[in-house]
Amino acid sequence: MLPILFTYFKMNVLVLDGGASTEINNMGYSIHGDPLWSSRMLMTKPELIKGVHKSFLEHGCDIIQTISYQASISGIQKYANKTAEEAKEVMQKSVHLARESVEEFWKDYQKKAEASDSTILADKKKPLVCGCLGAIAVQFFNAGEYSGAYIDEVTEQEIVDFHRPRIAALLEAGIDYLALETIPVQKEAEIVTKLLREFPNANPWISFQCKDGNHIGHGEVFSDAVQSVVQDGLLKYVGVNCCSPLYVTPLLQSVQKQRKAYSLEFVTYPNTGEIWEKETFGETGKFIGDNLMSSFVPAVPEWIDLGASIIGGCCQTTPKDIQGLVDCVNGLKASKK
């Protein structure tokens, strides 16, 4: 029986989608060797992207993320031979495709809900769209978002100049949330937080990549990194992603002081616990290690009790995995009625 810990349904717990790029790769489209990664598909396979979005929507998620993690104005110019304006349009296409997917899914869903007497179907809200952006490390295409080793190679102005047009493009296209995710370095997170003051309607979260239950990828203490980005009161959401699900509980436990002081809500979307092993960052890589989804879903009630209000999956998590999260959250909601 699931533990009854629930201070949490004072919050509206939402389920985020999972590893969209994993789904693209699983469909036979090799993207690991492409410096634009899954963002290439915005230009070559837009209907495939919509299909992936709809798969997660059909498995019950409340928020889908745009396929724009690896995208940037400069990167699309360089690797797709586009002008700056064309690159901006590609980034915005990620939002348009997500919106179209939601609209098409929602039209069908409402018909299903009207024909059913299910309370869960009737209570569901229209899914939301989150604009997804990775760290400046994505421009180096060397998995730097898992170590933060790049931080001494870039200036504060370079970080600002990289992120500003990406953020502006997604916001202009119309998103409900903005995720600056897989950030491994406290310094970059602080710079991005300062930059977000230019975008007061962004509804952002900053999500750290963590290498264990206490430290972010570059080695800073997670609670210190969180304190540094929430202390001016700008962020409502902060979180962790693309780390082992085994790290999430201790990480959230370490920031309960900040949760109370700043009325924070946490975003958690770990991967399955498998690790990307590579000879070079590209086609020769593979995921190794154990899939920890069996310990992922049972931990969800505790994560929510620790303040997580948005929960999903990152690399290697499938629509079926997200369905497991949805079923868990719906079960918890039903138990409180």
C-alpha atoms as a PDB file:
ATOM      1  CA  MET A   1       0.000   0.000   0.000  1.00  0.00           C
ATOM      2  CA  LEU A   2       1.271   3.476  -0.846  1.00  0.00           C
ATOM      3  CA  PRO A   3       2.261   5.550   2.197  1.00  0.00           C
ATOM      4  CA  ILE A   4      -0.092   8.349   3.153  1.00  0.00           C
ATOM      5  CA  LEU A   5       2.372  11.222   3.479  1.00  0.00           C
ATOM      6  CA  PHE A   6       0.317  13.777   1.692  1.00  0.00           C
ATOM      7  CA  THR A   7       0.916  17.377   2.413  1.00  0.00           C
ATOM      8  CA  TYR A   8       1.270  17.422  -1.338  1.00  0.00           C
ATOM      9  CA  PHE A   9      -2.167  17.597  -2.746  1.00  0.00           C
ATOM     10  CA  LYS A  10      -2.224  21.119  -1.503  1.00  0.00           C
ATOM     11  CA  MET A  11      -0.199  21.376  -4.719  1.00  0.00           C
ATOM     12  CA  ASN A  12      -1.388  20.427  -8.172  1.00  0.00           C
ATOM     13  CA  VAL A  13       0.939  17.584  -9.101  1.00  0.00           C
ATOM     14  CA  LEU A  14       1.588  17.379 -12.842  1.00  0.00           C
ATOM     15  CA  VAL A  15       3.283  14.636 -14.839  1.00  0.00           C
ATOM     16  CA  LEU A  16       5.912  15.676 -17.355  1.00  0.00           C
ATOM     17  CA  ASP A  17       6.730  13.610 -20.431  1.00  0.00           C
ATOM     18  CA  GLY A  18       9.768  11.360 -20.796  1.00  0.00           C
ATOM     19  CA  GLY A  19      12.680  10.727 -23.119  1.00  0.00           C
ATOM     20  CA  ALA A  20      11.367  12.040 -26.432  1.00  0.00           C
ATOM     21  CA  SER A  21      14.790  11.781 -28.032  1.00  0.00           C
ATOM     22  CA  THR A  22      15.009   8.203 -26.777  1.00  0.00           C
ATOM     23  CA  GLU A  23      11.745   7.475 -28.584  1.00  0.00           C
ATOM     24  CA  ILE A  24      13.073   9.010 -31.786  1.00  0.00           C
ATOM     25  CA  ASN A  25      16.195   6.867 -31.543  1.00  0.00           C
ATOM     26  CA  ASN A  26      14.121   3.757 -30.749  1.00  0.00           C
ATOM     27  CA  MET A  27      12.169   4.341 -33.960  1.00  0.00           C
ATOM     28  CA  GLY A  28      15.369   3.768 -35.896  1.00  0.00           C
ATOM     29  CA  TYR A  29      16.514   7.341 -36.423  1.00  0.00           C
ATOM     30  CA  SER A  30      20.100   7.551 -35.246  1.00  0.00           C
ATOM     31  CA  ILE A  31      20.624  10.990 -33.695  1.00  0.00           C
ATOM     32  CA  HIS A  32      23.522  10.514 -31.283  1.00  0.00           C
ATOM     33  CA  GLY A  33      26.119  11.444 -33.873  1.00  0.00           C
ATOM     34  CA  ASP A  34      24.368  14.668 -34.916  1.00  0.00           C
ATOM     35  CA  PRO A  35      25.482  17.934 -33.245  1.00  0.00           C
ATOM     36  CA  LEU A  36      21.849  19.096 -33.425  1.00  0.00           C
ATOM     37  CA  TRP A  37      20.696  15.780 -31.918  1.00  0.00           C
ATOM     38  CA  SER A  38      16.901  15.405 -32.002  1.00  0.00           C
ATOM     39  CA  SER A  39      16.471  19.049 -33.051  1.00  0.00           C
ATOM     40  CA  ARG A  40      17.504  18.006 -36.563  1.00  0.00           C
ATOM     41  CA  MET A  41      14.112  16.319 -36.831  1.00  0.00           C
ATOM     42  CA  LEU A  42      12.383  19.695 -36.625  1.00  0.00           C
ATOM     43  CA  MET A  43      13.620  20.245 -40.166  1.00  0.00           C
ATOM     44  CA  THR A  44      13.504  16.693 -41.520  1.00  0.00           C
ATOM     45  CA  LYS A  45      10.763  14.738 -39.709  1.00  0.00           C
ATOM     46  CA  PRO A  46       8.215  17.103 -38.140  1.00  0.00           C
ATOM     47  CA  GLU A  47       5.411  14.535 -38.262  1.00  0.00           C
ATOM     48  CA  LEU A  48       7.631  12.084 -36.400  1.00  0.00           C
ATOM     49  CA  ILE A  49       8.060  14.649 -33.634  1.00  0.00           C
ATOM     50  CA  LYS A  50       4.296  15.100 -33.411  1.00  0.00           C
ATOM     51  CA  GLY A  51       3.909  11.359 -33.191  1.00  0.00           C
ATOM     52  CA  VAL A  52       6.314  11.183 -30.268  1.00  0.00           C
ATOM     53  CA  HIS A  53       4.543  14.025 -28.481  1.00  0.00           C
ATOM     54  CA  LYS A  54       1.177  12.331 -28.996  1.00  0.00           C
ATOM     55  CA  SER A  55       2.493   9.044 -27.665  1.00  0.00           C
ATOM     56  CA  PHE A  56       3.390  10.670 -24.350  1.00  0.00           C
ATOM     57  CA  LEU A  57       0.098  12.575 -24.308  1.00  0.00           C
ATOM     58  CA  GLU A  58      -1.864   9.389 -24.941  1.00  0.00           C
ATOM     59  CA  HIS A  59      -0.067   7.794 -21.983  1.00  0.00           C
ATOM     60  CA  GLY A  60      -1.382  10.556 -19.747  1.00  0.00           C
ATOM     61  CA  CYS A  61       1.264  13.240 -19.252  1.00  0.00           C
ATOM     62  CA  ASP A  62       0.156  16.763 -18.362  1.00  0.00           C
ATOM     63  CA  ILE A  63       3.140  18.618 -19.875  1.00  0.00           C
ATOM     64  CA  ILE A  64       5.182  17.951 -22.987  1.00  0.00           C
ATOM     65  CA  GLN A  65       8.578  19.483 -23.661  1.00  0.00           C
ATOM     66  CA  THR A  66       9.610  20.913 -26.993  1.00  0.00           C
ATOM     67  CA  ILE A  67      12.260  19.125 -29.032  1.00  0.00           C
ATOM     68  CA  SER A  68      14.735  21.973 -28.634  1.00  0.00           C
ATOM     69  CA  TYR A  69      17.176  20.869 -25.923  1.00  0.00           C
ATOM     70  CA  GLN A  70      20.182  20.836 -28.252  1.00  0.00           C
ATOM     71  CA  ALA A  71      18.969  23.671 -30.450  1.00  0.00           C
ATOM     72  CA  SER A  72      20.412  27.161 -30.588  1.00  0.00           C
ATOM     73  CA  ILE A  73      20.433  29.980 -33.113  1.00  0.00           C
ATOM     74  CA  SER A  74      24.185  29.663 -33.626  1.00  0.00           C
ATOM     75  CA  GLY A  75      24.082  25.850 -33.752  1.00  0.00           C
ATOM     76  CA  ILE A  76      21.347  25.695 -36.370  1.00  0.00           C
ATOM     77  CA  GLN A  77      23.175  28.302 -38.433  1.00  0.00           C
ATOM     78  CA  LYS A  78      26.374  26.281 -38.272  1.00  0.00           C
ATOM     79  CA  TYR A  79      25.096  22.734 -38.643  1.00  0.00           C
ATOM     80  CA  ALA A  80      22.012  23.264 -40.827  1.00  0.00           C
ATOM     81  CA  ASN A  81      23.286  26.135 -42.972  1.00  0.00           C
ATOM     82  CA  LYS A  82      20.473  28.467 -41.947  1.00  0.00           C
ATOM     83  CA  THR A  83      20.376  32.232 -41.492  1.00  0.00           C
ATOM     84  CA  ALA A  84      19.796  33.617 -37.998  1.00  0.00           C
ATOM     85  CA  GLU A  85      16.147  34.308 -38.844  1.00  0.00           C
ATOM     86  CA  GLU A  86      15.664  30.823 -40.273  1.00  0.00           C
ATOM     87  CA  ALA A  87      17.299  29.320 -37.184  1.00  0.00           C
ATOM     88  CA  LYS A  88      14.879  31.225 -34.985  1.00  0.00           C
ATOM     89  CA  GLU A  89      11.989  29.831 -37.044  1.00  0.00           C
ATOM     90  CA  VAL A  90      13.321  26.295 -36.546  1.00  0.00           C
ATOM     91  CA  MET A  91      13.405  26.813 -32.792  1.00  0.00           C
ATOM     92  CA  GLN A  92       9.889  28.189 -32.834  1.00  0.00           C
ATOM     93  CA  LYS A  93       8.739  25.258 -34.926  1.00  0.00           C
ATOM     94  CA  SER A  94       9.467  23.074 -31.896  1.00  0.00           C
ATOM     95  CA  VAL A  95       6.774  25.021 -30.034  1.00  0.00           C
ATOM     96  CA  HIS A  96       4.314  24.966 -32.942  1.00  0.00           C
ATOM     97  CA  LEU A  97       4.646  21.179 -33.312  1.00  0.00           C
ATOM     98  CA  ALA A  98       4.102  20.680 -29.600  1.00  0.00           C
ATOM     99  CA  ARG A  99       1.027  22.926 -29.666  1.00  0.00           C
ATOM    100  CA  GLU A 100      -0.408  21.140 -32.683  1.00  0.00           C
ATOM    101  CA  SER A 101       0.126  17.804 -30.951  1.00  0.00           C
ATOM    102  CA  VAL A 102      -1.708  19.012 -27.859  1.00  0.00           C
ATOM    103  CA  GLU A 103      -4.619  20.416 -29.873  1.00  0.00           C
ATOM    104  CA  GLU A 104      -5.056  17.230 -31.898  1.00  0.00           C
ATOM    105  CA  PHE A 105      -4.751  15.015 -28.823  1.00  0.00           C
ATOM    106  CA  TRP A 106      -7.148  17.162 -26.794  1.00  0.00           C
ATOM    107  CA  LYS A 107      -9.854  17.110 -29.447  1.00  0.00           C
ATOM    108  CA  ASP A 108      -9.834  13.300 -29.416  1.00  0.00           C
ATOM    109  CA  TYR A 109      -9.514  13.135 -25.633  1.00  0.00           C
ATOM    110  CA  GLN A 110     -12.588  15.280 -25.024  1.00  0.00           C
ATOM    111  CA  LYS A 111     -14.679  12.961 -27.185  1.00  0.00           C
ATOM    112  CA  LYS A 112     -13.444   9.999 -25.157  1.00  0.00           C
ATOM    113  CA  ALA A 113     -14.157  11.762 -21.855  1.00  0.00           C
ATOM    114  CA  GLU A 114     -17.699  12.660 -22.931  1.00  0.00           C
ATOM    115  CA  ALA A 115     -18.381   9.018 -23.741  1.00  0.00           C
ATOM    116  CA  SER A 116     -17.024   7.757 -20.412  1.00  0.00           C
ATOM    117  CA  ASP A 117     -18.146   7.986 -16.799  1.00  0.00           C
ATOM    118  CA  SER A 118     -14.536   8.036 -15.546  1.00  0.00           C
ATOM    119  CA  THR A 119     -13.889  10.816 -13.035  1.00  0.00           C
ATOM    120  CA  ILE A 120     -10.200  10.779 -13.888  1.00  0.00           C
ATOM    121  CA  LEU A 121     -10.924  11.358 -17.571  1.00  0.00           C
ATOM    122  CA  ALA A 122     -13.347  14.171 -16.779  1.00  0.00           C
ATOM    123  CA  ASP A 123     -10.996  15.885 -14.316  1.00  0.00           C
ATOM    124  CA  LYS A 124      -7.978  16.035 -16.602  1.00  0.00           C
ATOM    125  CA  LYS A 125      -6.917  19.480 -17.760  1.00  0.00           C
ATOM    126  CA  LYS A 126      -5.658  20.335 -21.222  1.00  0.00           C
ATOM    127  CA  PRO A 127      -1.931  19.499 -21.408  1.00  0.00           C
ATOM    128  CA  LEU A 128       0.645  22.266 -21.318  1.00  0.00           C
ATOM    129  CA  VAL A 129       3.797  22.954 -23.331  1.00  0.00           C
ATOM    130  CA  CYS A 130       7.225  23.519 -21.822  1.00  0.00           C
ATOM    131  CA  GLY A 131      10.048  25.052 -23.842  1.00  0.00           C
ATOM    132  CA  CYS A 132      13.153  22.941 -23.299  1.00  0.00           C
ATOM    133  CA  LEU A 133      16.714  24.337 -23.419  1.00  0.00           C
ATOM    134  CA  GLY A 134      19.980  22.708 -22.378  1.00  0.00           C
ATOM    135  CA  ALA A 135      23.137  24.249 -20.947  1.00  0.00           C
ATOM    136  CA  ILE A 136      25.672  26.087 -23.090  1.00  0.00           C
ATOM    137  CA  ALA A 137      27.508  22.760 -23.108  1.00  0.00           C
ATOM    138  CA  VAL A 138      25.244  21.601 -25.946  1.00  0.00           C
ATOM    139  CA  GLN A 139      27.135  23.806 -28.401  1.00  0.00           C
ATOM    140  CA  PHE A 140      30.319  21.818 -27.739  1.00  0.00           C
ATOM    141  CA  PHE A 141      28.596  18.462 -28.362  1.00  0.00           C
ATOM    142  CA  ASN A 142      30.855  16.641 -25.911  1.00  0.00           C
ATOM    143  CA  ALA A 143      28.497  15.671 -23.068  1.00  0.00           C
ATOM    144  CA  GLY A 144      29.807  18.580 -20.998  1.00  0.00           C
ATOM    145  CA  GLU A 145      26.427  18.901 -19.293  1.00  0.00           C
ATOM    146  CA  TYR A 146      27.430  15.870 -17.213  1.00  0.00           C
ATOM    147  CA  SER A 147      30.698  17.318 -15.954  1.00  0.00           C
ATOM    148  CA  GLY A 148      30.571  21.092 -16.335  1.00  0.00           C
ATOM    149  CA  ALA A 149      34.171  21.041 -17.535  1.00  0.00           C
ATOM    150  CA  TYR A 150      33.339  23.676 -20.150  1.00  0.00           C
ATOM    151  CA  ILE A 151      32.724  26.443 -17.640  1.00  0.00           C
ATOM    152  CA  ASP A 152      36.307  27.728 -17.609  1.00  0.00           C
ATOM    153  CA  GLU A 153      36.231  28.033 -21.407  1.00  0.00           C
ATOM    154  CA  VAL A 154      33.345  30.496 -21.616  1.00  0.00           C
ATOM    155  CA  THR A 155      32.745  33.980 -20.294  1.00  0.00           C
ATOM    156  CA  GLU A 156      29.616  35.251 -18.608  1.00  0.00           C
ATOM    157  CA  GLN A 157      28.806  37.313 -21.696  1.00  0.00           C
ATOM    158  CA  GLU A 158      29.132  34.266 -23.948  1.00  0.00           C
ATOM    159  CA  ILE A 159      26.683  32.370 -21.748  1.00  0.00           C
ATOM    160  CA  VAL A 160      24.228  35.273 -21.877  1.00  0.00           C
ATOM    161  CA  ASP A 161      24.613  35.680 -25.648  1.00  0.00           C
ATOM    162  CA  PHE A 162      24.021  31.955 -26.157  1.00  0.00           C
ATOM    163  CA  HIS A 163      20.889  31.702 -24.027  1.00  0.00           C
ATOM    164  CA  ARG A 164      19.141  35.032 -24.625  1.00  0.00           C
ATOM    165  CA  PRO A 165      18.007  34.458 -28.253  1.00  0.00           C
ATOM    166  CA  ARG A 166      16.996  30.856 -27.499  1.00  0.00           C
ATOM    167  CA  ILE A 167      14.804  31.932 -24.594  1.00  0.00           C
ATOM    168  CA  ALA A 168      13.329  34.831 -26.580  1.00  0.00           C
ATOM    169  CA  ALA A 169      12.483  32.598 -29.555  1.00  0.00           C
ATOM    170  CA  LEU A 170      10.580  30.026 -27.496  1.00  0.00           C
ATOM    171  CA  LEU A 171       8.735  32.626 -25.444  1.00  0.00           C
ATOM    172  CA  GLU A 172       7.678  34.509 -28.574  1.00  0.00           C
ATOM    173  CA  ALA A 173       6.226  31.284 -29.967  1.00  0.00           C
ATOM    174  CA  GLY A 174       4.091  30.816 -26.848  1.00  0.00           C
ATOM    175  CA  ILE A 175       4.977  28.338 -24.089  1.00  0.00           C
ATOM    176  CA  ASP A 176       3.482  27.644 -20.664  1.00  0.00           C
ATOM    177  CA  TYR A 177       6.768  26.852 -18.902  1.00  0.00           C
ATOM    178  CA  LEU A 178      10.425  27.386 -19.730  1.00  0.00           C
ATOM    179  CA  ALA A 179      12.914  24.712 -18.676  1.00  0.00           C
ATOM    180  CA  LEU A 180      16.620  25.534 -18.459  1.00  0.00           C
ATOM    181  CA  GLU A 181      17.679  21.976 -17.804  1.00  0.00           C
ATOM    182  CA  THR A 182      20.585  19.610 -17.267  1.00  0.00           C
ATOM    183  CA  ILE A 183      22.626  22.484 -15.846  1.00  0.00           C
ATOM    184  CA  PRO A 184      25.745  21.027 -14.187  1.00  0.00           C
ATOM    185  CA  VAL A 185      27.431  24.229 -12.978  1.00  0.00           C
ATOM    186  CA  GLN A 186      26.318  26.667 -10.311  1.00  0.00           C
ATOM    187  CA  LYS A 187      27.945  29.580 -12.144  1.00  0.00           C
ATOM    188  CA  GLU A 188      25.925  29.050 -15.330  1.00  0.00           C
ATOM    189  CA  ALA A 189      22.732  28.633 -13.314  1.00  0.00           C
ATOM    190  CA  GLU A 190      23.379  31.948 -11.569  1.00  0.00           C
ATOM    191  CA  ILE A 191      24.033  33.708 -14.886  1.00  0.00           C
ATOM    192  CA  VAL A 192      20.878  32.267 -16.429  1.00  0.00           C
ATOM    193  CA  THR A 193      18.824  33.265 -13.389  1.00  0.00           C
ATOM    194  CA  LYS A 194      20.045  36.838 -13.745  1.00  0.00           C
ATOM    195  CA  LEU A 195      19.198  36.735 -17.466  1.00  0.00           C
ATOM    196  CA  LEU A 196      15.666  35.548 -16.696  1.00  0.00           C
ATOM    197  CA  ARG A 197      14.916  38.944 -15.155  1.00  0.00           C
ATOM    198  CA  GLU A 198      14.615  40.155 -18.762  1.00  0.00           C
ATOM    199  CA  PHE A 199      11.747  37.696 -19.265  1.00  0.00           C
ATOM    200  CA  PRO A 200       9.280  38.248 -16.409  1.00  0.00           C
ATOM    201  CA  ASN A 201       6.546  36.090 -17.967  1.00  0.00           C
ATOM    202  CA  ALA A 202       8.707  33.047 -18.666  1.00  0.00           C
ATOM    203  CA  ASN A 203       7.346  30.834 -15.841  1.00  0.00           C
ATOM    204  CA  PRO A 204      10.776  29.191 -15.706  1.00  0.00           C
ATOM    205  CA  TRP A 205      12.466  26.406 -13.887  1.00  0.00           C
ATOM    206  CA  ILE A 206      16.154  25.643 -13.590  1.00  0.00           C
ATOM    207  CA  SER A 207      16.950  21.969 -13.352  1.00  0.00           C
ATOM    208  CA  PHE A 208      20.369  20.721 -12.279  1.00  0.00           C
ATOM    209  CA  GLN A 209      22.180  17.631 -13.481  1.00  0.00           C
ATOM    210  CA  CYS A 210      23.506  15.857 -10.379  1.00  0.00           C
ATOM    211  CA  LYS A 211      26.252  13.249 -10.096  1.00  0.00           C
ATOM    212  CA  ASP A 212      25.192  11.896  -6.709  1.00  0.00           C
ATOM    213  CA  GLY A 213      22.753  12.599  -3.898  1.00  0.00           C
ATOM    214  CA  ASN A 214      24.534  15.758  -2.780  1.00  0.00           C
ATOM    215  CA  HIS A 215      26.448  17.329  -5.687  1.00  0.00           C
ATOM    216  CA  ILE A 216      25.671  18.745  -9.113  1.00  0.00           C
ATOM    217  CA  GLY A 217      27.699  17.603 -12.116  1.00  0.00           C
ATOM    218  CA  HIS A 218      30.559  20.059 -11.695  1.00  0.00           C
ATOM    219  CA  GLY A 219      30.912  19.233  -8.017  1.00  0.00           C
ATOM    220  CA  GLU A 220      29.138  22.080  -6.208  1.00  0.00           C
ATOM    221  CA  VAL A 221      26.823  21.126  -3.351  1.00  0.00           C
ATOM    222  CA  PHE A 222      23.258  20.937  -4.651  1.00  0.00           C
ATOM    223  CA  SER A 223      21.736  22.891  -1.764  1.00  0.00           C
ATOM    224  CA  ASP A 224      24.265  25.693  -2.313  1.00  0.00           C
ATOM    225  CA  ALA A 225      23.447  25.805  -6.018  1.00  0.00           C
ATOM    226  CA  VAL A 226      19.723  25.954  -5.285  1.00  0.00           C
ATOM    227  CA  GLN A 227      20.214  28.702  -2.704  1.00  0.00           C
ATOM    228  CA  SER A 228      22.186  30.758  -5.217  1.00  0.00           C
ATOM    229  CA  VAL A 229      19.378  30.776  -7.800  1.00  0.00           C
ATOM    230  CA  VAL A 230      16.323  31.147  -5.558  1.00  0.00           C
ATOM    231  CA  GLN A 231      17.501  33.774  -3.085  1.00  0.00           C
ATOM    232  CA  ASP A 232      16.215  36.741  -5.112  1.00  0.00           C
ATOM    233  CA  GLY A 233      12.723  35.236  -5.239  1.00  0.00           C
ATOM    234  CA  LEU A 234      12.501  34.997  -9.055  1.00  0.00           C
ATOM    235  CA  LEU A 235      12.092  31.229  -9.331  1.00  0.00           C
ATOM    236  CA  LYS A 236       9.061  29.314  -8.129  1.00  0.00           C
ATOM    237  CA  TYR A 237      10.385  26.026  -9.497  1.00  0.00           C
ATOM    238  CA  VAL A 238      13.810  24.423  -9.284  1.00  0.00           C
ATOM    239  CA  GLY A 239      14.773  20.818  -9.733  1.00  0.00           C
ATOM    240  CA  VAL A 240      16.888  17.930 -10.935  1.00  0.00           C
ATOM    241  CA  ASN A 241      16.927  15.979 -14.167  1.00  0.00           C
ATOM    242  CA  CYS A 242      18.938  13.372 -16.052  1.00  0.00           C
ATOM    243  CA  CYS A 243      20.366  11.822 -12.906  1.00  0.00           C
ATOM    244  CA  SER A 244      19.733   8.444 -11.303  1.00  0.00           C
ATOM    245  CA  PRO A 245      16.322   8.174  -9.617  1.00  0.00           C
ATOM    246  CA  LEU A 246      18.215   6.933  -6.558  1.00  0.00           C
ATOM    247  CA  TYR A 247      19.636  10.441  -6.042  1.00  0.00           C
ATOM    248  CA  VAL A 248      16.348  12.342  -6.061  1.00  0.00           C
ATOM    249  CA  THR A 249      15.208  11.725  -2.476  1.00  0.00           C
ATOM    250  CA  PRO A 250      18.464  12.801  -0.788  1.00  0.00           C
ATOM    251  CA  LEU A 251      18.732  15.801  -3.112  1.00  0.00           C
ATOM    252  CA  LEU A 252      15.226  16.981  -2.240  1.00  0.00           C
ATOM    253  CA  GLN A 253      15.800  16.300   1.441  1.00  0.00           C
ATOM    254  CA  SER A 254      18.830  18.586   1.326  1.00  0.00           C
ATOM    255  CA  VAL A 255      16.817  21.628   0.184  1.00  0.00           C
ATOM    256  CA  GLN A 256      13.851  21.567   2.533  1.00  0.00           C
ATOM    257  CA  LYS A 257      15.134  24.720   4.215  1.00  0.00           C
ATOM    258  CA  GLN A 258      15.005  26.554   0.873  1.00  0.00           C
ATOM    259  CA  ARG A 259      11.617  25.045   0.084  1.00  0.00           C
ATOM    260  CA  LYS A 260      10.113  26.581   3.210  1.00  0.00           C
ATOM    261  CA  ALA A 261      11.979  29.888   3.019  1.00  0.00           C
ATOM    262  CA  TYR A 262      11.082  30.600  -0.628  1.00  0.00           C
ATOM    263  CA  SER A 263       7.832  28.608  -1.063  1.00  0.00           C
ATOM    264  CA  LEU A 264       9.515  26.486  -3.727  1.00  0.00           C
ATOM    265  CA  GLU A 265       8.043  23.677  -5.731  1.00  0.00           C
ATOM    266  CA  PHE A 266      10.394  21.070  -7.145  1.00  0.00           C
ATOM    267  CA  VAL A 267      10.638  19.560 -10.607  1.00  0.00           C
ATOM    268  CA  THR A 268      12.089  16.058 -10.783  1.00  0.00           C
ATOM    269  CA  TYR A 269      12.683  14.095 -13.966  1.00  0.00           C
ATOM    270  CA  PRO A 270      15.508  11.611 -13.555  1.00  0.00           C
ATOM    271  CA  ASN A 271      16.639   9.161 -16.182  1.00  0.00           C
ATOM    272  CA  THR A 272      16.318   5.399 -15.774  1.00  0.00           C
ATOM    273  CA  GLY A 273      19.709   5.140 -14.081  1.00  0.00           C
ATOM    274  CA  GLU A 274      21.510   3.851 -17.154  1.00  0.00           C
ATOM    275  CA  ILE A 275      24.741   5.599 -18.138  1.00  0.00           C
ATOM    276  CA  TRP A 276      25.878   6.685 -21.605  1.00  0.00           C
ATOM    277  CA  GLU A 277      29.237   5.058 -22.320  1.00  0.00           C
ATOM    278  CA  LYS A 278      31.204   6.268 -25.312  1.00  0.00           C
ATOM    279  CA  GLU A 279      34.426   5.889 -27.171  1.00  0.00           C
ATOM    280  CA  THR A 280      33.586   9.200 -28.783  1.00  0.00           C
ATOM    281  CA  PHE A 281      30.387  11.169 -28.310  1.00  0.00           C
ATOM    282  CA  GLY A 282      28.457   9.824 -31.222  1.00  0.00           C
ATOM    283  CA  GLU A 283      27.493   6.650 -32.985  1.00  0.00           C
ATOM    284  CA  THR A 284      29.793   4.363 -30.986  1.00  0.00           C
ATOM    285  CA  GLY A 285      28.159   5.163 -27.655  1.00  0.00           C
ATOM    286  CA  LYS A 286      25.643   3.014 -25.813  1.00  0.00           C
ATOM    287  CA  PHE A 287      23.703   2.981 -22.569  1.00  0.00           C
ATOM    288  CA  ILE A 288      24.995   0.608 -19.914  1.00  0.00           C
ATOM    289  CA  GLY A 289      23.937  -0.299 -16.384  1.00  0.00           C
ATOM    290  CA  ASP A 290      20.641  -1.203 -14.762  1.00  0.00           C
ATOM    291  CA  ASN A 291      17.248   0.229 -15.592  1.00  0.00           C
ATOM    292  CA  LEU A 292      15.942   1.471 -12.243  1.00  0.00           C
ATOM    293  CA  MET A 293      12.315   2.149 -13.163  1.00  0.00           C
ATOM    294  CA  SER A 294      11.282  -0.493 -10.604  1.00  0.00           C
ATOM    295  CA  SER A 295      12.541   1.855  -7.877  1.00  0.00           C
ATOM    296  CA  PHE A 296      11.453   5.056  -9.681  1.00  0.00           C
ATOM    297  CA  VAL A 297       7.659   4.935  -9.401  1.00  0.00           C
ATOM    298  CA  PRO A 298       7.554   3.677  -5.765  1.00  0.00           C
ATOM    299  CA  ALA A 299       9.588   6.735  -4.749  1.00  0.00           C
ATOM    300  CA  VAL A 300       7.120   9.215  -6.258  1.00  0.00           C
ATOM    301  CA  PRO A 301       4.943   9.649  -3.120  1.00  0.00           C
ATOM    302  CA  GLU A 302       8.016  10.587  -1.112  1.00  0.00           C
ATOM    303  CA  TRP A 303       9.208  13.048  -3.773  1.00  0.00           C
ATOM    304  CA  ILE A 304       5.832  14.733  -3.746  1.00  0.00           C
ATOM    305  CA  ASP A 305       5.841  14.893   0.031  1.00  0.00           C
ATOM    306  CA  LEU A 306       9.242  16.607  -0.212  1.00  0.00           C
ATOM    307  CA  GLY A 307       7.761  19.267  -2.496  1.00  0.00           C
ATOM    308  CA  ALA A 308       7.868  17.895  -6.043  1.00  0.00           C
ATOM    309  CA  SER A 309       4.915  19.211  -8.033  1.00  0.00           C
ATOM    310  CA  ILE A 310       6.138  18.310 -11.544  1.00  0.00           C
ATOM    311  CA  ILE A 311       7.457  14.780 -12.046  1.00  0.00           C
ATOM    312  CA  GLY A 312       8.537  13.091 -15.259  1.00  0.00           C
ATOM    313  CA  GLY A 313      11.360  11.209 -16.892  1.00  0.00           C
ATOM    314  CA  CYS A 314      14.503  11.986 -18.835  1.00  0.00           C
ATOM    315  CA  CYS A 315      16.779   9.770 -20.961  1.00  0.00           C
ATOM    316  CA  GLN A 316      15.596   6.218 -21.631  1.00  0.00           C
ATOM    317  CA  THR A 317      12.159   6.749 -20.080  1.00  0.00           C
ATOM    318  CA  THR A 318       9.380   5.663 -22.412  1.00  0.00           C
ATOM    319  CA  PRO A 319       5.684   6.523 -22.764  1.00  0.00           C
ATOM    320  CA  LYS A 320       4.942   3.312 -20.869  1.00  0.00           C
ATOM    321  CA  ASP A 321       7.167   4.511 -18.011  1.00  0.00           C
ATOM    322  CA  ILE A 322       5.317   7.821 -17.945  1.00  0.00           C
ATOM    323  CA  GLN A 323       2.037   5.898 -17.800  1.00  0.00           C
ATOM    324  CA  GLY A 324       3.353   4.327 -14.603  1.00  0.00           C
ATOM    325  CA  LEU A 325       3.901   7.782 -13.109  1.00  0.00           C
ATOM    326  CA  VAL A 326       0.442   8.900 -14.225  1.00  0.00           C
ATOM    327  CA  ASP A 327      -1.184   5.844 -12.644  1.00  0.00           C
ATOM    328  CA  CYS A 328       0.715   6.455  -9.412  1.00  0.00           C
ATOM    329  CA  VAL A 329      -0.291  10.125  -9.197  1.00  0.00           C
ATOM    330  CA  ASN A 330      -3.908   9.375 -10.121  1.00  0.00           C
ATOM    331  CA  GLY A 331      -3.981   6.657  -7.461  1.00  0.00           C
ATOM    332  CA  LEU A 332      -2.718   9.074  -4.843  1.00  0.00           C
ATOM    333  CA  LYS A 333      -5.295  11.671  -5.835  1.00  0.00           C
ATOM    334  CA  ALA A 334      -8.091   9.126  -5.690  1.00  0.00           C
ATOM    335  CA  SER A 335      -7.026   7.990  -2.219  1.00  0.00           C
ATOM    336  CA  LYS A 336      -7.426  11.537  -0.919  1.00  0.00           C
ATOM    337  CA  LYS A 337     -10.989  12.049  -2.124  1.00  0.00           C
END
